[in-house]
Amino acid sequence: MEKKINIYQVDAFTDQPFNGNPAGVTFGDDLTPLEMQSIAKEMNLAETAFLSNSDKADYNLRWFTPAMEVELCGHATIASLHFLKENNLISNGQEITFDTLSGILRCKFENNRYFMQIPIYTMEEFTGCKEEIFDSLGIERNDVDDKFPVVLVENGYLYIKIQSLKALHNLKPDYKKLYKLNEPGKQCIAVYTLETVDKISFAHSRFFAPFYGIDEDPVTGSMNGPLLPVLIYSGILQNNAEEYSYVFEQGDVLGRKGRVGVSFNKNKNELFISGNAVTILKGEMAFPHSGEFL
């Protein structure tokens, strides 16, 4: 017996097609986890998002890479909000909630921009072996900004500051070596600099996650959100403001320019990312029940 779903491909963190980060989005009420994983593998995008009914929030939301389910994905959530707007299921100014593996996340659509809450993580200075990480990324040692710590975030993301945008573009990552760095705290690595392409932006980054089947992600909401608290922790931003709001850049080196708004309210302890999105593909996928394939 055949199943059919309507599925979108949405470019997130951009208002221009073929930029930002593409994600698949569909309704997943009638799909098994095996089918979701197979659909994500077929879409072959960094993540595919599956929306379904929830008794805890407005929707349940799950994210799958081509290799596995993940606990949090920013760009596919922004894409999901756009998908709901395209299907007239969310209106301007409306807040909605998603029940996810990272808890209940508050989101909203306002003035053609999508907002997503990001969990607040603990962090610490990384004291493990940095040299093997630098070697795997192809970082020249003198390009690392030693004035600031390499920061390990609770979600397993590692943040490395380097001196310049040129050095960031010149990275030569060895994805096989990066894949082998799959101990806790080494699965995903962000490399960032305060040199930017646009004057209004504050930081520019690249993000590597081969352990999750993503060699380099074009524009990563789940990395750009915590980057702001990382900057505060590192002393790059002064820890004396009530609210912070910045634009971070990613994707330019891959030809997929993306821009992520990040805001942090210290009094409320709330972190949000925001961005635009554009639909580039609408289609129907047909496949047998999960018991009949794989």
C-alpha atoms as a PDB file:
ATOM      1  CA  MET A   1       0.000   0.000   0.000  1.00  0.00           C
ATOM      2  CA  GLU A   2       1.359   3.423  -0.989  1.00  0.00           C
ATOM      3  CA  LYS A   3       1.653   6.561   1.115  1.00  0.00           C
ATOM      4  CA  LYS A   4       1.752  10.075  -0.304  1.00  0.00           C
ATOM      5  CA  ILE A   5       2.893  13.304   1.353  1.00  0.00           C
ATOM      6  CA  ASN A   6       3.160  16.909   0.247  1.00  0.00           C
ATOM      7  CA  ILE A   7       6.636  18.215   0.992  1.00  0.00           C
ATOM      8  CA  TYR A   8       8.301  21.609   0.629  1.00  0.00           C
ATOM      9  CA  GLN A   9      11.919  22.614   0.249  1.00  0.00           C
ATOM     10  CA  VAL A  10      12.526  25.960   1.944  1.00  0.00           C
ATOM     11  CA  ASP A  11      15.656  28.115   2.016  1.00  0.00           C
ATOM     12  CA  ALA A  12      15.980  29.547   5.540  1.00  0.00           C
ATOM     13  CA  PHE A  13      17.837  32.631   6.807  1.00  0.00           C
ATOM     14  CA  THR A  14      17.486  34.338   3.432  1.00  0.00           C
ATOM     15  CA  ASP A  15      14.876  36.024   1.268  1.00  0.00           C
ATOM     16  CA  GLN A  16      16.644  35.010  -1.935  1.00  0.00           C
ATOM     17  CA  PRO A  17      16.274  31.555  -3.543  1.00  0.00           C
ATOM     18  CA  PHE A  18      19.395  29.364  -3.601  1.00  0.00           C
ATOM     19  CA  ASN A  19      20.879  31.105  -0.562  1.00  0.00           C
ATOM     20  CA  GLY A  20      20.658  30.365   3.143  1.00  0.00           C
ATOM     21  CA  ASN A  21      20.165  26.777   4.285  1.00  0.00           C
ATOM     22  CA  PRO A  22      17.663  24.460   2.571  1.00  0.00           C
ATOM     23  CA  ALA A  23      15.363  22.252   4.631  1.00  0.00           C
ATOM     24  CA  GLY A  24      12.574  19.851   3.812  1.00  0.00           C
ATOM     25  CA  VAL A  25       9.266  20.319   5.643  1.00  0.00           C
ATOM     26  CA  THR A  26       6.162  18.149   5.721  1.00  0.00           C
ATOM     27  CA  PHE A  27       3.386  16.936   8.011  1.00  0.00           C
ATOM     28  CA  GLY A  28       4.382  13.724   9.772  1.00  0.00           C
ATOM     29  CA  ASP A  29       1.260  12.554  11.628  1.00  0.00           C
ATOM     30  CA  ASP A  30       0.960   9.368   9.557  1.00  0.00           C
ATOM     31  CA  LEU A  31       4.688   8.663   9.317  1.00  0.00           C
ATOM     32  CA  THR A  32       6.770   6.229  11.326  1.00  0.00           C
ATOM     33  CA  PRO A  33      10.269   7.183  12.523  1.00  0.00           C
ATOM     34  CA  LEU A  34      11.659   4.789   9.904  1.00  0.00           C
ATOM     35  CA  GLU A  35       9.716   6.588   7.193  1.00  0.00           C
ATOM     36  CA  MET A  36      10.854   9.984   8.474  1.00  0.00           C
ATOM     37  CA  GLN A  37      14.467   8.863   8.368  1.00  0.00           C
ATOM     38  CA  SER A  38      14.036   7.466   4.855  1.00  0.00           C
ATOM     39  CA  ILE A  39      12.414  10.696   3.647  1.00  0.00           C
ATOM     40  CA  ALA A  40      15.255  12.749   5.143  1.00  0.00           C
ATOM     41  CA  LYS A  41      17.779  10.501   3.432  1.00  0.00           C
ATOM     42  CA  GLU A  42      15.939  10.888   0.123  1.00  0.00           C
ATOM     43  CA  MET A  43      15.723  14.681   0.455  1.00  0.00           C
ATOM     44  CA  ASN A  44      19.486  14.669   1.197  1.00  0.00           C
ATOM     45  CA  LEU A  45      19.363  18.068   2.895  1.00  0.00           C
ATOM     46  CA  ALA A  46      21.027  18.979   6.171  1.00  0.00           C
ATOM     47  CA  GLU A  47      17.678  18.459   7.913  1.00  0.00           C
ATOM     48  CA  THR A  48      14.093  17.600   7.075  1.00  0.00           C
ATOM     49  CA  ALA A  49      11.421  18.690   9.572  1.00  0.00           C
ATOM     50  CA  PHE A  50       8.260  16.790  10.428  1.00  0.00           C
ATOM     51  CA  LEU A  51       5.289  18.575  11.987  1.00  0.00           C
ATOM     52  CA  SER A  52       2.536  16.656  13.756  1.00  0.00           C
ATOM     53  CA  ASN A  53      -0.230  17.047  16.322  1.00  0.00           C
ATOM     54  CA  SER A  54       0.711  17.539  19.963  1.00  0.00           C
ATOM     55  CA  ASP A  55      -1.186  17.598  23.243  1.00  0.00           C
ATOM     56  CA  LYS A  56       1.627  19.630  24.856  1.00  0.00           C
ATOM     57  CA  ALA A  57       2.112  22.421  22.285  1.00  0.00           C
ATOM     58  CA  ASP A  58       0.663  23.724  19.026  1.00  0.00           C
ATOM     59  CA  TYR A  59       2.729  21.170  17.102  1.00  0.00           C
ATOM     60  CA  ASN A  60       5.208  18.412  17.673  1.00  0.00           C
ATOM     61  CA  LEU A  61       8.396  19.003  15.662  1.00  0.00           C
ATOM     62  CA  ARG A  62      11.116  16.485  14.815  1.00  0.00           C
ATOM     63  CA  TRP A  63      14.278  16.962  12.763  1.00  0.00           C
ATOM     64  CA  PHE A  64      16.202  14.324  10.826  1.00  0.00           C
ATOM     65  CA  THR A  65      19.509  14.599   8.977  1.00  0.00           C
ATOM     66  CA  PRO A  66      20.150  12.019   6.246  1.00  0.00           C
ATOM     67  CA  ALA A  67      21.875   9.948   8.949  1.00  0.00           C
ATOM     68  CA  MET A  68      19.915  10.386  12.201  1.00  0.00           C
ATOM     69  CA  GLU A  69      17.385  12.306  14.280  1.00  0.00           C
ATOM     70  CA  VAL A  70      18.770  15.397  16.057  1.00  0.00           C
ATOM     71  CA  GLU A  71      17.678  17.229  19.196  1.00  0.00           C
ATOM     72  CA  LEU A  72      17.633  20.747  17.754  1.00  0.00           C
ATOM     73  CA  CYS A  73      17.697  22.412  14.348  1.00  0.00           C
ATOM     74  CA  GLY A  74      17.319  26.145  13.848  1.00  0.00           C
ATOM     75  CA  HIS A  75      17.049  26.509  10.088  1.00  0.00           C
ATOM     76  CA  ALA A  76      14.516  23.678   9.702  1.00  0.00           C
ATOM     77  CA  THR A  77      12.395  25.307  12.424  1.00  0.00           C
ATOM     78  CA  ILE A  78      12.486  28.633  10.594  1.00  0.00           C
ATOM     79  CA  ALA A  79      11.545  26.665   7.449  1.00  0.00           C
ATOM     80  CA  SER A  80       8.687  24.992   9.356  1.00  0.00           C
ATOM     81  CA  LEU A  81       7.300  28.371  10.412  1.00  0.00           C
ATOM     82  CA  HIS A  82       7.434  29.470   6.782  1.00  0.00           C
ATOM     83  CA  PHE A  83       5.681  26.236   5.745  1.00  0.00           C
ATOM     84  CA  LEU A  84       2.877  26.959   8.222  1.00  0.00           C
ATOM     85  CA  LYS A  85       2.566  30.513   6.941  1.00  0.00           C
ATOM     86  CA  GLU A  86       2.438  29.302   3.333  1.00  0.00           C
ATOM     87  CA  ASN A  87      -0.405  26.972   4.313  1.00  0.00           C
ATOM     88  CA  ASN A  88      -2.275  29.755   6.173  1.00  0.00           C
ATOM     89  CA  LEU A  89      -1.780  28.072   9.537  1.00  0.00           C
ATOM     90  CA  ILE A  90       0.022  30.976  11.200  1.00  0.00           C
ATOM     91  CA  SER A  91      -0.689  34.694  10.865  1.00  0.00           C
ATOM     92  CA  ASN A  92       1.333  37.856  11.360  1.00  0.00           C
ATOM     93  CA  GLY A  93       2.047  38.524  15.023  1.00  0.00           C
ATOM     94  CA  GLN A  94       1.048  35.021  16.134  1.00  0.00           C
ATOM     95  CA  GLU A  95       3.097  33.036  18.630  1.00  0.00           C
ATOM     96  CA  ILE A  96       3.134  29.246  18.495  1.00  0.00           C
ATOM     97  CA  THR A  97       4.895  26.499  20.409  1.00  0.00           C
ATOM     98  CA  PHE A  98       6.691  23.357  19.274  1.00  0.00           C
ATOM     99  CA  ASP A  99       7.153  20.248  21.404  1.00  0.00           C
ATOM    100  CA  THR A 100      10.652  18.987  20.569  1.00  0.00           C
ATOM    101  CA  LEU A 101      13.455  16.801  21.919  1.00  0.00           C
ATOM    102  CA  SER A 102      14.885  20.056  23.319  1.00  0.00           C
ATOM    103  CA  GLY A 103      11.675  20.872  25.178  1.00  0.00           C
ATOM    104  CA  ILE A 104       8.851  23.290  24.382  1.00  0.00           C
ATOM    105  CA  LEU A 105      10.145  26.038  22.086  1.00  0.00           C
ATOM    106  CA  ARG A 106       8.335  29.352  21.617  1.00  0.00           C
ATOM    107  CA  CYS A 107       8.264  30.766  18.099  1.00  0.00           C
ATOM    108  CA  LYS A 108       6.450  33.481  16.184  1.00  0.00           C
ATOM    109  CA  PHE A 109       5.909  35.084  12.799  1.00  0.00           C
ATOM    110  CA  GLU A 110       6.064  38.861  12.701  1.00  0.00           C
ATOM    111  CA  ASN A 111       6.489  41.310   9.808  1.00  0.00           C
ATOM    112  CA  ASN A 112       7.624  38.591   7.371  1.00  0.00           C
ATOM    113  CA  ARG A 113      10.286  37.383   9.781  1.00  0.00           C
ATOM    114  CA  TYR A 114      10.378  34.166  11.784  1.00  0.00           C
ATOM    115  CA  PHE A 115      11.560  33.905  15.394  1.00  0.00           C
ATOM    116  CA  MET A 116      12.632  30.772  17.264  1.00  0.00           C
ATOM    117  CA  GLN A 117      13.584  30.305  20.895  1.00  0.00           C
ATOM    118  CA  ILE A 118      16.933  28.596  21.504  1.00  0.00           C
ATOM    119  CA  PRO A 119      17.698  26.776  24.786  1.00  0.00           C
ATOM    120  CA  ILE A 120      20.196  28.393  27.177  1.00  0.00           C
ATOM    121  CA  TYR A 121      23.178  26.085  27.601  1.00  0.00           C
ATOM    122  CA  THR A 122      25.959  25.991  30.165  1.00  0.00           C
ATOM    123  CA  MET A 123      29.491  26.366  28.806  1.00  0.00           C
ATOM    124  CA  GLU A 124      33.102  26.044  29.849  1.00  0.00           C
ATOM    125  CA  GLU A 125      36.578  26.543  28.491  1.00  0.00           C
ATOM    126  CA  PHE A 126      37.694  23.492  26.517  1.00  0.00           C
ATOM    127  CA  THR A 127      40.823  22.048  28.094  1.00  0.00           C
ATOM    128  CA  GLY A 128      41.283  18.971  25.913  1.00  0.00           C
ATOM    129  CA  CYS A 129      43.723  18.536  23.048  1.00  0.00           C
ATOM    130  CA  LYS A 130      43.182  21.435  20.656  1.00  0.00           C
ATOM    131  CA  GLU A 131      45.978  20.638  18.216  1.00  0.00           C
ATOM    132  CA  GLU A 132      44.252  17.611  16.687  1.00  0.00           C
ATOM    133  CA  ILE A 133      41.134  19.729  16.181  1.00  0.00           C
ATOM    134  CA  PHE A 134      43.091  22.554  14.531  1.00  0.00           C
ATOM    135  CA  ASP A 135      44.838  19.996  12.327  1.00  0.00           C
ATOM    136  CA  SER A 136      41.533  18.396  11.294  1.00  0.00           C
ATOM    137  CA  LEU A 137      40.132  21.803  10.354  1.00  0.00           C
ATOM    138  CA  GLY A 138      43.234  22.877   8.463  1.00  0.00           C
ATOM    139  CA  ILE A 139      43.669  25.924  10.698  1.00  0.00           C
ATOM    140  CA  GLU A 140      47.046  27.621  10.617  1.00  0.00           C
ATOM    141  CA  ARG A 141      48.131  27.841  14.255  1.00  0.00           C
ATOM    142  CA  ASN A 142      48.962  31.544  14.044  1.00  0.00           C
ATOM    143  CA  ASP A 143      45.425  32.234  12.801  1.00  0.00           C
ATOM    144  CA  VAL A 144      43.904  31.083  16.103  1.00  0.00           C
ATOM    145  CA  ASP A 145      43.071  33.995  18.413  1.00  0.00           C
ATOM    146  CA  ASP A 146      44.699  32.787  21.640  1.00  0.00           C
ATOM    147  CA  LYS A 147      43.447  35.814  23.578  1.00  0.00           C
ATOM    148  CA  PHE A 148      40.068  34.091  23.845  1.00  0.00           C
ATOM    149  CA  PRO A 149      39.171  30.581  25.008  1.00  0.00           C
ATOM    150  CA  VAL A 150      38.006  27.661  22.928  1.00  0.00           C
ATOM    151  CA  VAL A 151      34.521  27.196  24.391  1.00  0.00           C
ATOM    152  CA  LEU A 152      32.665  23.925  24.867  1.00  0.00           C
ATOM    153  CA  VAL A 153      28.889  24.299  25.105  1.00  0.00           C
ATOM    154  CA  GLU A 154      26.606  21.861  26.900  1.00  0.00           C
ATOM    155  CA  ASN A 155      25.055  20.699  23.609  1.00  0.00           C
ATOM    156  CA  GLY A 156      28.454  19.429  22.413  1.00  0.00           C
ATOM    157  CA  TYR A 157      29.319  22.367  20.127  1.00  0.00           C
ATOM    158  CA  LEU A 158      32.894  23.635  20.224  1.00  0.00           C
ATOM    159  CA  TYR A 159      33.554  27.312  19.390  1.00  0.00           C
ATOM    160  CA  ILE A 160      36.954  28.454  18.094  1.00  0.00           C
ATOM    161  CA  LYS A 161      37.780  32.116  17.418  1.00  0.00           C
ATOM    162  CA  ILE A 162      40.245  32.929  14.654  1.00  0.00           C
ATOM    163  CA  GLN A 163      41.808  36.189  13.607  1.00  0.00           C
ATOM    164  CA  SER A 164      40.304  37.032  10.218  1.00  0.00           C
ATOM    165  CA  LEU A 165      37.678  36.410   7.575  1.00  0.00           C
ATOM    166  CA  LYS A 166      40.449  35.404   5.167  1.00  0.00           C
ATOM    167  CA  ALA A 167      41.665  32.730   7.568  1.00  0.00           C
ATOM    168  CA  LEU A 168      38.088  31.493   7.969  1.00  0.00           C
ATOM    169  CA  HIS A 169      37.672  31.180   4.196  1.00  0.00           C
ATOM    170  CA  ASN A 170      41.031  29.426   3.899  1.00  0.00           C
ATOM    171  CA  LEU A 171      40.176  26.525   6.214  1.00  0.00           C
ATOM    172  CA  LYS A 172      40.899  23.129   4.669  1.00  0.00           C
ATOM    173  CA  PRO A 173      38.866  20.690   6.769  1.00  0.00           C
ATOM    174  CA  ASP A 174      39.592  16.983   6.627  1.00  0.00           C
ATOM    175  CA  TYR A 175      36.112  15.545   7.110  1.00  0.00           C
ATOM    176  CA  LYS A 176      37.345  12.021   7.799  1.00  0.00           C
ATOM    177  CA  LYS A 177      39.502  13.301  10.644  1.00  0.00           C
ATOM    178  CA  LEU A 178      36.654  15.459  11.921  1.00  0.00           C
ATOM    179  CA  TYR A 179      34.320  12.472  11.874  1.00  0.00           C
ATOM    180  CA  LYS A 180      36.704  10.541  14.101  1.00  0.00           C
ATOM    181  CA  LEU A 181      36.607  13.330  16.680  1.00  0.00           C
ATOM    182  CA  ASN A 182      33.313  11.913  17.898  1.00  0.00           C
ATOM    183  CA  GLU A 183      34.016  11.988  21.603  1.00  0.00           C
ATOM    184  CA  PRO A 184      31.634  14.101  23.721  1.00  0.00           C
ATOM    185  CA  GLY A 185      32.214  17.761  22.962  1.00  0.00           C
ATOM    186  CA  LYS A 186      33.810  17.174  19.585  1.00  0.00           C
ATOM    187  CA  GLN A 187      30.894  16.199  17.341  1.00  0.00           C
ATOM    188  CA  CYS A 188      30.228  19.732  16.031  1.00  0.00           C
ATOM    189  CA  ILE A 189      32.742  22.529  15.609  1.00  0.00           C
ATOM    190  CA  ALA A 190      32.082  26.222  14.967  1.00  0.00           C
ATOM    191  CA  VAL A 191      34.899  28.494  13.795  1.00  0.00           C
ATOM    192  CA  TYR A 192      34.159  32.220  13.920  1.00  0.00           C
ATOM    193  CA  THR A 193      35.730  35.623  13.444  1.00  0.00           C
ATOM    194  CA  LEU A 194      34.631  39.171  14.211  1.00  0.00           C
ATOM    195  CA  GLU A 195      35.565  40.282  10.686  1.00  0.00           C
ATOM    196  CA  THR A 196      32.403  40.344   8.573  1.00  0.00           C
ATOM    197  CA  VAL A 197      31.207  40.811   5.008  1.00  0.00           C
ATOM    198  CA  ASP A 198      28.457  43.292   5.914  1.00  0.00           C
ATOM    199  CA  LYS A 199      29.092  46.302   8.132  1.00  0.00           C
ATOM    200  CA  ILE A 200      25.916  45.706  10.146  1.00  0.00           C
ATOM    201  CA  SER A 201      26.981  42.187  11.120  1.00  0.00           C
ATOM    202  CA  PHE A 202      28.993  41.288  14.212  1.00  0.00           C
ATOM    203  CA  ALA A 203      30.507  37.858  13.479  1.00  0.00           C
ATOM    204  CA  HIS A 204      31.035  35.403  10.619  1.00  0.00           C
ATOM    205  CA  SER A 205      31.234  31.647  11.117  1.00  0.00           C
ATOM    206  CA  ARG A 206      31.533  28.190   9.587  1.00  0.00           C
ATOM    207  CA  PHE A 207      30.127  24.999  11.097  1.00  0.00           C
ATOM    208  CA  PHE A 208      31.225  21.377  10.679  1.00  0.00           C
ATOM    209  CA  ALA A 209      29.209  18.315  11.775  1.00  0.00           C
ATOM    210  CA  PRO A 210      30.314  15.221   9.796  1.00  0.00           C
ATOM    211  CA  PHE A 211      29.412  12.995  12.765  1.00  0.00           C
ATOM    212  CA  TYR A 212      25.763  13.851  11.995  1.00  0.00           C
ATOM    213  CA  GLY A 213      26.157  13.353   8.240  1.00  0.00           C
ATOM    214  CA  ILE A 214      26.719  17.066   7.527  1.00  0.00           C
ATOM    215  CA  ASP A 215      30.278  17.912   6.466  1.00  0.00           C
ATOM    216  CA  GLU A 216      29.662  21.661   6.493  1.00  0.00           C
ATOM    217  CA  ASP A 217      26.304  23.253   7.215  1.00  0.00           C
ATOM    218  CA  PRO A 218      25.572  26.432   5.233  1.00  0.00           C
ATOM    219  CA  VAL A 219      23.677  28.438   7.896  1.00  0.00           C
ATOM    220  CA  THR A 220      23.115  26.966  11.356  1.00  0.00           C
ATOM    221  CA  GLY A 221      20.559  28.423  13.748  1.00  0.00           C
ATOM    222  CA  SER A 222      21.455  26.057  16.593  1.00  0.00           C
ATOM    223  CA  MET A 223      25.066  27.287  16.399  1.00  0.00           C
ATOM    224  CA  ASN A 224      24.485  30.998  15.795  1.00  0.00           C
ATOM    225  CA  GLY A 225      22.078  31.290  18.730  1.00  0.00           C
ATOM    226  CA  PRO A 226      24.522  30.076  21.421  1.00  0.00           C
ATOM    227  CA  LEU A 227      27.318  32.061  19.752  1.00  0.00           C
ATOM    228  CA  LEU A 228      25.983  35.205  21.426  1.00  0.00           C
ATOM    229  CA  PRO A 229      26.299  33.765  24.991  1.00  0.00           C
ATOM    230  CA  VAL A 230      29.712  32.383  23.951  1.00  0.00           C
ATOM    231  CA  LEU A 231      30.809  35.923  23.074  1.00  0.00           C
ATOM    232  CA  ILE A 232      29.643  37.114  26.492  1.00  0.00           C
ATOM    233  CA  TYR A 233      31.342  34.199  28.274  1.00  0.00           C
ATOM    234  CA  SER A 234      34.582  34.885  26.383  1.00  0.00           C
ATOM    235  CA  GLY A 235      34.592  38.566  27.342  1.00  0.00           C
ATOM    236  CA  ILE A 236      34.178  39.749  23.748  1.00  0.00           C
ATOM    237  CA  LEU A 237      30.835  41.296  24.716  1.00  0.00           C
ATOM    238  CA  GLN A 238      30.532  43.044  28.062  1.00  0.00           C
ATOM    239  CA  ASN A 239      28.295  41.257  30.533  1.00  0.00           C
ATOM    240  CA  ASN A 240      26.554  44.412  31.713  1.00  0.00           C
ATOM    241  CA  ALA A 241      23.652  44.848  29.290  1.00  0.00           C
ATOM    242  CA  GLU A 242      20.067  43.727  29.816  1.00  0.00           C
ATOM    243  CA  GLU A 243      19.477  42.978  26.148  1.00  0.00           C
ATOM    244  CA  TYR A 244      21.757  42.055  23.240  1.00  0.00           C
ATOM    245  CA  SER A 245      20.822  41.971  19.559  1.00  0.00           C
ATOM    246  CA  TYR A 246      23.176  41.182  16.668  1.00  0.00           C
ATOM    247  CA  VAL A 247      23.314  39.838  13.127  1.00  0.00           C
ATOM    248  CA  PHE A 248      25.627  36.904  12.456  1.00  0.00           C
ATOM    249  CA  GLU A 249      26.818  35.744   9.030  1.00  0.00           C
ATOM    250  CA  GLN A 250      27.339  32.260   7.632  1.00  0.00           C
ATOM    251  CA  GLY A 251      27.281  30.440   4.305  1.00  0.00           C
ATOM    252  CA  ASP A 252      29.138  32.936   2.114  1.00  0.00           C
ATOM    253  CA  VAL A 253      32.099  30.617   1.566  1.00  0.00           C
ATOM    254  CA  LEU A 254      29.690  27.964   0.222  1.00  0.00           C
ATOM    255  CA  GLY A 255      27.882  30.407  -2.045  1.00  0.00           C
ATOM    256  CA  ARG A 256      24.777  30.277   0.193  1.00  0.00           C
ATOM    257  CA  LYS A 257      24.766  33.647   1.957  1.00  0.00           C
ATOM    258  CA  GLY A 258      22.718  33.569   5.147  1.00  0.00           C
ATOM    259  CA  ARG A 259      22.045  36.094   7.881  1.00  0.00           C
ATOM    260  CA  VAL A 260      20.813  35.174  11.365  1.00  0.00           C
ATOM    261  CA  GLY A 261      19.376  37.629  13.855  1.00  0.00           C
ATOM    262  CA  VAL A 262      20.238  36.702  17.451  1.00  0.00           C
ATOM    263  CA  SER A 263      18.849  38.384  20.564  1.00  0.00           C
ATOM    264  CA  PHE A 264      19.377  37.622  24.241  1.00  0.00           C
ATOM    265  CA  ASN A 265      17.413  39.071  27.157  1.00  0.00           C
ATOM    266  CA  LYS A 266      19.509  38.525  30.280  1.00  0.00           C
ATOM    267  CA  ASN A 267      16.738  39.381  32.745  1.00  0.00           C
ATOM    268  CA  LYS A 268      14.312  36.909  31.155  1.00  0.00           C
ATOM    269  CA  ASN A 269      17.126  34.480  30.310  1.00  0.00           C
ATOM    270  CA  GLU A 270      15.661  34.128  26.806  1.00  0.00           C
ATOM    271  CA  LEU A 271      17.603  33.555  23.605  1.00  0.00           C
ATOM    272  CA  PHE A 272      15.994  33.886  20.172  1.00  0.00           C
ATOM    273  CA  ILE A 273      17.161  33.561  16.597  1.00  0.00           C
ATOM    274  CA  SER A 274      15.322  35.049  13.631  1.00  0.00           C
ATOM    275  CA  GLY A 275      15.424  35.105   9.867  1.00  0.00           C
ATOM    276  CA  ASN A 276      13.571  35.117   6.585  1.00  0.00           C
ATOM    277  CA  ALA A 277      12.718  32.143   4.403  1.00  0.00           C
ATOM    278  CA  VAL A 278      11.626  31.401   0.849  1.00  0.00           C
ATOM    279  CA  THR A 279       9.975  28.332  -0.680  1.00  0.00           C
ATOM    280  CA  ILE A 280      11.797  27.007  -3.734  1.00  0.00           C
ATOM    281  CA  LEU A 281      10.071  23.654  -4.271  1.00  0.00           C
ATOM    282  CA  LYS A 282       6.665  22.088  -3.597  1.00  0.00           C
ATOM    283  CA  GLY A 283       6.148  18.449  -4.437  1.00  0.00           C
ATOM    284  CA  GLU A 284       4.521  15.127  -3.684  1.00  0.00           C
ATOM    285  CA  MET A 285       6.435  12.098  -2.477  1.00  0.00           C
ATOM    286  CA  ALA A 286       5.018   8.590  -2.818  1.00  0.00           C
ATOM    287  CA  PHE A 287       6.480   5.525  -1.143  1.00  0.00           C
ATOM    288  CA  PRO A 288       5.466   2.140   0.332  1.00  0.00           C
ATOM    289  CA  HIS A 289       4.784   1.617   4.028  1.00  0.00           C
ATOM    290  CA  SER A 290       7.912   1.354   6.158  1.00  0.00           C
ATOM    291  CA  GLY A 291       7.499  -2.395   6.526  1.00  0.00           C
ATOM    292  CA  GLU A 292       7.815  -2.800   2.773  1.00  0.00           C
ATOM    293  CA  PHE A 293      11.172  -1.102   2.234  1.00  0.00           C
ATOM    294  CA  LEU A 294      14.616  -0.577   3.696  1.00  0.00           C
END
